[in-house]
Amino acid sequence: MAKIIGNNLPNIPWEEKPAGCKDILWRYSKNPIINWNPIPTAARVYNSAVVPFNGAFAGVFRGDQRNGRATLFAGFSKDGINIELNPEPIQWVNEDGTPNPTSYAYDPRVVKIDDKYFVTWCDDMKGPSIGLGYTKDFKTFYRMPNPLMPYNRNGVLFPRKINGKYMLLSRPSDTGHTPFGNIYISESPDMEHWGHHKLVMTNGGQGWWQGMKVGAGPVPIETTEGWLLFYHGVSSTCNGYVYSYGAVLLDINEPSKVLYRTRDYLLTPEVDYETRGFVPNVVFPCANLYDAATGRICIYYGAADTFTALSFCQVDEVIAFMKANSEVF
């Protein structure tokens, strides 16, 4: 039976699977956990990243301001569900303390490596690119050099070095909404110089839900079977794009190698807060918490580019489903 390799988190946000539910993932019954206009400075907060912090939780949150421009806010929570957002956006600085602001910033991921919480996000380099920075206290945030050239999105770091190198997933794009996209991996000896780029996985296959593009979701989870990565897949319909998400299992020592991949989606827009909003028909995972002792996983996802919601699963059930319903191409 697959097990998580990592820390125990007994206070993980959790709700048992509803009676009679046959799905591998299930939604939190009190979704969404962040609704319209959560703070005066942001109309919508979604596609956000929460991590354990000092016995509770902290995170970096995408907030679309009232002028429509996306930026990042810090937030804290005692239970991982009720979030207290800072009312003002993150003010990025260089390591010498001089300001280094972003033009726009969205879709963050956060991962703790050693004593730092590294943040990746979609940044502006005269076109979308991947931003990189870190914090130690979720109060002061330091920017680092952008790891890759434009145009690129969905930068996701692995939680530890692999073969002595930091690893970063990304999805090369264009300047717009990108009607294509595959997942690549890059490596670095120092979190500054990135190279040895390799293809991990493409869109397509028999699953139309991921027929147009795919992108990495939350930080990969280390398991006894390999790296468990939840990812979003996008289909193009006569009514616009539809974002769903599935999972892939990557080789533990060679994460560019796909072992298993869900043929069918694990979650697709079905309920009101996913099908109605600023951008309807979107579920977009950006963070996951896990408890190694129980195998519980809590996934934070953006819904309809408006809300923040939770879903839950068990690691052994996800990996067993993936093996029984895999399509690798």
Protein backbone atom coordinates (compact mmCIF):
# COMPACT_ATOMS: atom_id res chain seq x y z
CA MET A 1 0.00 0.00 0.00
CA ALA A 2 1.36 3.40 -0.99
CA LYS A 3 2.51 5.63 1.86
CA ILE A 4 3.61 9.26 2.09
CA ILE A 5 7.25 9.96 2.92
CA GLY A 6 7.26 13.14 5.00
CA ASN A 7 6.00 14.82 8.12
CA ASN A 8 2.91 14.09 10.16
CA LEU A 9 0.27 16.81 10.23
CA PRO A 10 -2.41 15.75 12.70
CA ASN A 11 -4.24 19.10 12.38
CA ILE A 12 -4.61 18.82 8.59
CA PRO A 13 -7.94 20.22 7.36
CA TRP A 14 -10.10 17.16 6.85
CA GLU A 15 -13.60 15.86 6.30
CA GLU A 16 -14.45 12.20 5.90
CA LYS A 17 -15.71 10.92 2.56
CA PRO A 18 -19.50 11.21 2.37
CA ALA A 19 -21.43 7.97 2.76
CA GLY A 20 -21.99 6.31 -0.59
CA CYS A 21 -19.40 8.47 -2.40
CA LYS A 22 -17.45 6.40 -4.94
CA ASP A 23 -15.19 9.22 -6.15
CA ILE A 24 -11.47 9.24 -5.38
CA LEU A 25 -11.57 12.95 -4.49
CA TRP A 26 -14.40 14.60 -2.61
CA ARG A 27 -15.23 18.25 -1.95
CA TYR A 28 -15.38 19.98 1.40
CA SER A 29 -19.05 20.35 2.31
CA LYS A 30 -18.58 23.99 3.38
CA ASN A 31 -16.85 25.15 0.19
CA PRO A 32 -15.89 27.74 -0.78
CA ILE A 33 -13.59 28.72 2.09
CA ILE A 34 -12.89 32.13 0.49
CA ASN A 35 -15.79 33.92 -1.20
CA TRP A 36 -16.28 37.15 -3.19
CA ASN A 37 -14.69 40.35 -1.78
CA PRO A 38 -12.85 38.80 1.18
CA ILE A 39 -10.85 42.00 1.83
CA PRO A 40 -11.41 45.60 0.69
CA THR A 41 -8.37 45.47 -1.62
CA ALA A 42 -9.27 42.26 -3.51
CA ALA A 43 -12.49 41.29 -5.24
CA ARG A 44 -11.48 37.65 -5.75
CA VAL A 45 -8.93 35.42 -3.97
CA TYR A 46 -8.21 32.01 -5.52
CA ASN A 47 -5.40 29.82 -6.97
CA SER A 48 -3.56 30.09 -3.66
CA ALA A 49 -0.92 28.17 -1.70
CA VAL A 50 -1.13 27.17 1.98
CA VAL A 51 1.61 25.41 4.00
CA PRO A 52 2.10 24.34 7.64
CA PHE A 53 3.70 27.13 9.66
CA ASN A 54 4.54 27.33 13.37
CA GLY A 55 1.96 24.74 14.38
CA ALA A 56 -0.74 26.40 12.29
CA PHE A 57 -0.84 27.52 8.65
CA ALA A 58 0.29 30.37 6.41
CA GLY A 59 0.21 31.01 2.72
CA VAL A 60 0.49 33.19 -0.35
CA PHE A 61 -2.77 34.01 -2.10
CA ARG A 62 -3.66 35.31 -5.54
CA GLY A 63 -5.84 38.36 -5.18
CA ASP A 64 -7.43 40.17 -8.12
CA GLN A 65 -7.56 43.82 -7.15
CA ARG A 66 -10.40 46.15 -7.94
CA ASN A 67 -8.52 47.51 -10.94
CA GLY A 68 -8.48 43.93 -12.29
CA ARG A 69 -4.73 43.42 -11.85
CA ALA A 70 -3.60 40.27 -10.05
CA THR A 71 -1.12 40.39 -7.18
CA LEU A 72 -0.12 38.31 -4.15
CA PHE A 73 -1.23 38.59 -0.53
CA ALA A 74 0.06 36.80 2.56
CA GLY A 75 -2.37 35.14 4.95
CA PHE A 76 -2.51 33.09 8.14
CA SER A 77 -4.86 30.50 9.57
CA LYS A 78 -5.19 28.49 12.77
CA ASP A 79 -7.05 25.62 11.10
CA GLY A 80 -6.19 25.91 7.39
CA ILE A 81 -9.82 26.74 6.59
CA ASN A 82 -10.58 30.14 8.09
CA ILE A 83 -8.03 32.43 6.46
CA GLU A 84 -6.99 35.87 7.71
CA LEU A 85 -5.63 37.73 4.70
CA ASN A 86 -3.29 40.66 5.04
CA PRO A 87 -5.14 43.67 3.58
CA GLU A 88 -2.12 44.94 1.63
CA PRO A 89 -0.23 43.06 -1.11
CA ILE A 90 3.19 41.53 -0.55
CA GLN A 91 5.97 44.09 -0.96
CA TRP A 92 8.91 42.26 -2.52
CA VAL A 93 12.47 43.36 -1.73
CA ASN A 94 15.95 42.36 -2.77
CA GLU A 95 18.14 40.62 -0.22
CA ASP A 96 19.71 44.00 0.65
CA GLY A 97 16.26 45.36 1.51
CA THR A 98 15.77 47.59 -1.55
CA PRO A 99 12.30 47.40 -3.12
CA ASN A 100 11.80 45.09 -6.10
CA PRO A 101 8.08 45.27 -6.93
CA THR A 102 6.16 43.08 -9.34
CA SER A 103 4.09 44.45 -12.21
CA TYR A 104 1.59 41.66 -11.72
CA ALA A 105 1.75 38.31 -9.95
CA TYR A 106 -0.58 35.34 -9.84
CA ASP A 107 -1.03 31.59 -9.22
CA PRO A 108 1.58 31.11 -6.47
CA ARG A 109 3.01 27.88 -5.11
CA VAL A 110 4.89 27.64 -1.81
CA VAL A 111 7.31 24.96 -0.61
CA LYS A 112 9.54 24.75 2.44
CA ILE A 113 13.13 23.75 1.70
CA ASP A 114 15.47 23.85 4.71
CA ASP A 115 14.60 27.04 6.64
CA LYS A 116 13.04 28.98 3.75
CA TYR A 117 9.59 29.02 2.22
CA PHE A 118 10.16 29.40 -1.52
CA VAL A 119 7.45 31.04 -3.59
CA THR A 120 6.96 30.64 -7.33
CA TRP A 121 4.36 32.57 -9.30
CA CYS A 122 3.51 33.85 -12.77
CA ASP A 123 5.57 37.04 -13.12
CA ASP A 124 5.94 39.77 -15.73
CA MET A 125 9.12 40.00 -17.85
CA LYS A 126 7.42 41.87 -20.68
CA GLY A 127 5.38 38.70 -20.95
CA PRO A 128 4.49 35.91 -18.54
CA SER A 129 7.41 34.22 -16.86
CA ILE A 130 8.10 32.45 -13.58
CA GLY A 131 8.88 34.51 -10.50
CA LEU A 132 10.95 33.11 -7.66
CA GLY A 133 11.48 34.33 -4.11
CA TYR A 134 11.38 33.27 -0.49
CA THR A 135 10.33 34.21 3.01
CA LYS A 136 11.08 32.89 6.46
CA ASP A 137 8.18 34.51 8.33
CA PHE A 138 5.51 35.40 5.72
CA LYS A 139 6.14 39.05 6.57
CA THR A 140 9.28 39.91 4.60
CA PHE A 141 9.52 38.49 1.07
CA TYR A 142 12.77 38.44 -0.92
CA ARG A 143 12.89 38.23 -4.71
CA MET A 144 15.41 36.08 -6.53
CA PRO A 145 16.40 36.04 -10.22
CA ASN A 146 13.71 34.69 -12.54
CA PRO A 147 14.64 31.07 -13.23
CA LEU A 148 13.46 30.89 -16.85
CA MET A 149 12.93 33.14 -19.85
CA PRO A 150 9.46 34.21 -21.00
CA TYR A 151 7.07 32.84 -21.90
CA ASN A 152 6.36 30.40 -19.11
CA ARG A 153 3.85 29.62 -16.36
CA ASN A 154 3.04 27.08 -13.64
CA GLY A 155 6.47 26.95 -12.01
CA VAL A 156 6.47 24.31 -9.26
CA LEU A 157 9.50 23.36 -7.14
CA PHE A 158 10.11 19.90 -5.71
CA PRO A 159 10.39 19.86 -1.90
CA ARG A 160 13.97 18.57 -1.83
CA LYS A 161 17.00 18.13 -4.04
CA ILE A 162 17.06 15.12 -6.35
CA ASN A 163 20.50 13.78 -7.24
CA GLY A 164 21.98 16.89 -5.66
CA LYS A 165 19.93 19.34 -7.77
CA TYR A 166 16.89 21.52 -7.20
CA MET A 167 14.07 20.64 -9.58
CA LEU A 168 11.48 22.95 -11.16
CA LEU A 169 8.44 22.02 -13.25
CA SER A 170 7.12 24.55 -15.76
CA ARG A 171 4.76 24.96 -18.71
CA PRO A 172 6.10 27.03 -21.64
CA SER A 173 3.37 29.30 -22.97
CA ASP A 174 2.70 32.36 -25.09
CA THR A 175 1.58 35.90 -24.23
CA GLY A 176 -2.11 35.05 -24.07
CA HIS A 177 -4.26 32.20 -22.79
CA THR A 178 -2.07 29.64 -24.57
CA PRO A 179 -4.08 27.06 -26.54
CA PHE A 180 -1.27 24.51 -26.04
CA GLY A 181 1.08 23.37 -23.33
CA ASN A 182 3.23 20.54 -21.98
CA ILE A 183 5.05 20.10 -18.66
CA TYR A 184 8.86 20.32 -18.57
CA ILE A 185 11.43 19.96 -15.80
CA SER A 186 14.62 21.96 -15.21
CA GLU A 187 17.40 21.53 -12.66
CA SER A 188 19.72 23.86 -10.75
CA PRO A 189 22.69 23.43 -8.41
CA ASP A 190 22.01 26.70 -6.59
CA MET A 191 18.40 27.85 -7.23
CA GLU A 192 19.78 30.51 -9.60
CA HIS A 193 21.25 28.82 -12.68
CA TRP A 194 18.73 26.54 -14.40
CA GLY A 195 19.22 24.10 -17.27
CA HIS A 196 19.13 20.47 -18.45
CA HIS A 197 15.50 20.97 -19.46
CA LYS A 198 13.49 17.82 -20.17
CA LEU A 199 9.96 17.04 -21.28
CA VAL A 200 7.86 15.35 -18.59
CA MET A 201 4.41 14.97 -20.13
CA THR A 202 2.22 16.28 -22.92
CA ASN A 203 -1.42 17.10 -23.44
CA GLY A 204 -3.59 14.69 -25.40
CA GLY A 205 -4.24 10.99 -25.09
CA GLN A 206 -7.73 9.52 -24.96
CA GLY A 207 -8.80 11.90 -22.22
CA TRP A 208 -10.32 14.96 -23.87
CA TRP A 209 -10.31 16.71 -20.49
CA GLN A 210 -6.56 17.29 -20.98
CA GLY A 211 -6.59 17.51 -24.75
CA MET A 212 -5.49 21.14 -25.14
CA LYS A 213 -2.88 21.70 -22.41
CA VAL A 214 -1.63 20.51 -19.04
CA GLY A 215 0.19 22.26 -16.20
CA ALA A 216 1.70 21.28 -12.86
CA GLY A 217 -0.45 21.93 -9.81
CA PRO A 218 0.67 21.72 -6.16
CA VAL A 219 4.15 20.81 -4.92
CA PRO A 220 4.81 17.09 -5.61
CA ILE A 221 4.32 14.70 -2.67
CA GLU A 222 7.02 12.11 -2.03
CA THR A 223 5.58 8.60 -1.64
CA THR A 224 6.88 5.05 -1.50
CA GLU A 225 5.71 4.66 -5.12
CA GLY A 226 7.21 7.86 -6.55
CA TRP A 227 6.39 11.58 -6.72
CA LEU A 228 2.64 12.19 -6.67
CA LEU A 229 1.79 15.32 -8.67
CA PHE A 230 -1.71 16.69 -9.11
CA TYR A 231 -1.98 18.65 -12.36
CA HIS A 232 -4.59 20.57 -14.30
CA GLY A 233 -5.77 19.62 -17.75
CA VAL A 234 -7.71 21.86 -20.13
CA SER A 235 -10.18 21.06 -22.87
CA SER A 236 -11.49 23.48 -25.47
CA THR A 237 -15.25 23.37 -25.90
CA CYS A 238 -17.82 25.34 -27.88
CA ASN A 239 -18.49 27.18 -24.60
CA GLY A 240 -14.85 28.01 -23.81
CA TYR A 241 -12.04 26.36 -21.86
CA VAL A 242 -12.77 23.82 -19.12
CA TYR A 243 -10.15 23.20 -16.40
CA SER A 244 -10.16 19.86 -14.56
CA TYR A 245 -7.46 18.06 -12.62
CA GLY A 246 -5.90 14.64 -12.41
CA ALA A 247 -2.71 13.08 -11.08
CA VAL A 248 0.57 11.62 -12.30
CA LEU A 249 3.22 9.49 -10.60
CA LEU A 250 6.84 10.39 -11.42
CA ASP A 251 9.95 8.30 -10.84
CA ILE A 252 11.49 9.12 -7.46
CA ASN A 253 15.06 9.52 -8.80
CA GLU A 254 14.27 10.54 -12.38
CA PRO A 255 11.19 12.78 -12.17
CA SER A 256 11.09 13.42 -15.91
CA LYS A 257 9.92 9.80 -16.21
CA VAL A 258 6.15 9.19 -15.93
CA LEU A 259 5.19 5.89 -14.27
CA TYR A 260 1.39 6.23 -14.18
CA ARG A 261 -1.06 8.93 -15.16
CA THR A 262 -4.80 9.22 -14.68
CA ARG A 263 -6.68 8.59 -17.91
CA ASP A 264 -9.79 10.16 -16.38
CA TYR A 265 -9.99 13.38 -14.40
CA LEU A 266 -10.21 13.27 -10.61
CA LEU A 267 -12.20 16.51 -10.33
CA THR A 268 -14.01 18.56 -12.96
CA PRO A 269 -16.31 21.60 -12.64
CA GLU A 270 -19.71 20.35 -11.51
CA VAL A 271 -21.03 22.43 -8.61
CA ASP A 272 -22.21 26.02 -8.61
CA TYR A 273 -19.04 27.70 -7.29
CA GLU A 274 -16.99 25.89 -9.98
CA THR A 275 -19.31 26.46 -12.94
CA ARG A 276 -20.33 30.06 -12.16
CA GLY A 277 -17.98 32.93 -11.44
CA PHE A 278 -15.60 35.39 -13.06
CA VAL A 279 -14.30 32.60 -15.34
CA PRO A 280 -16.73 29.67 -15.25
CA ASN A 281 -15.86 25.98 -15.44
CA VAL A 282 -12.47 26.05 -13.69
CA VAL A 283 -10.94 23.91 -10.95
CA PHE A 284 -7.25 24.78 -10.56
CA PRO A 285 -5.15 23.06 -7.82
CA CYS A 286 -2.28 25.09 -6.33
CA ALA A 287 -1.46 23.53 -2.95
CA ASN A 288 -1.71 20.30 -1.02
CA LEU A 289 -1.25 19.46 2.64
CA TYR A 290 -0.63 15.90 3.77
CA ASP A 291 -0.41 13.82 6.93
CA ALA A 292 2.08 10.99 6.47
CA ALA A 293 0.71 9.00 9.41
CA THR A 294 -2.80 8.66 7.95
CA GLY A 295 -2.16 9.21 4.24
CA ARG A 296 -4.65 12.07 4.20
CA ILE A 297 -4.26 14.77 1.53
CA CYS A 298 -6.04 18.13 1.45
CA ILE A 299 -5.95 20.00 -1.87
CA TYR A 300 -6.52 23.76 -2.19
CA TYR A 301 -7.94 24.73 -5.55
CA GLY A 302 -9.26 27.82 -7.26
CA ALA A 303 -12.86 27.61 -8.48
CA ALA A 304 -14.19 29.66 -11.41
CA ASP A 305 -11.30 32.15 -10.95
CA THR A 306 -13.31 33.53 -8.03
CA PHE A 307 -13.29 31.21 -5.00
CA THR A 308 -10.89 29.13 -2.94
CA ALA A 309 -12.09 25.60 -2.22
CA LEU A 310 -10.87 22.32 -0.69
CA SER A 311 -10.96 18.70 -1.78
CA PHE A 312 -9.74 15.58 0.02
CA CYS A 313 -8.32 12.16 -0.78
CA GLN A 314 -6.24 9.29 0.59
CA VAL A 315 -2.83 8.65 -0.96
CA ASP A 316 -3.28 4.88 -1.29
CA GLU A 317 -6.65 5.27 -3.02
CA VAL A 318 -5.32 7.86 -5.49
CA ILE A 319 -2.31 5.77 -6.47
CA ALA A 320 -4.33 2.54 -6.70
CA PHE A 321 -6.87 4.31 -8.94
CA MET A 322 -4.06 5.72 -11.06
CA LYS A 323 -2.49 2.30 -11.59
CA ALA A 324 -5.83 0.74 -12.50
CA ASN A 325 -6.83 3.59 -14.86
CA SER A 326 -3.52 4.76 -16.29
CA GLU A 327 -2.71 6.15 -19.70
CA VAL A 328 0.91 7.12 -20.36
CA PHE A 329 1.68 8.60 -23.76
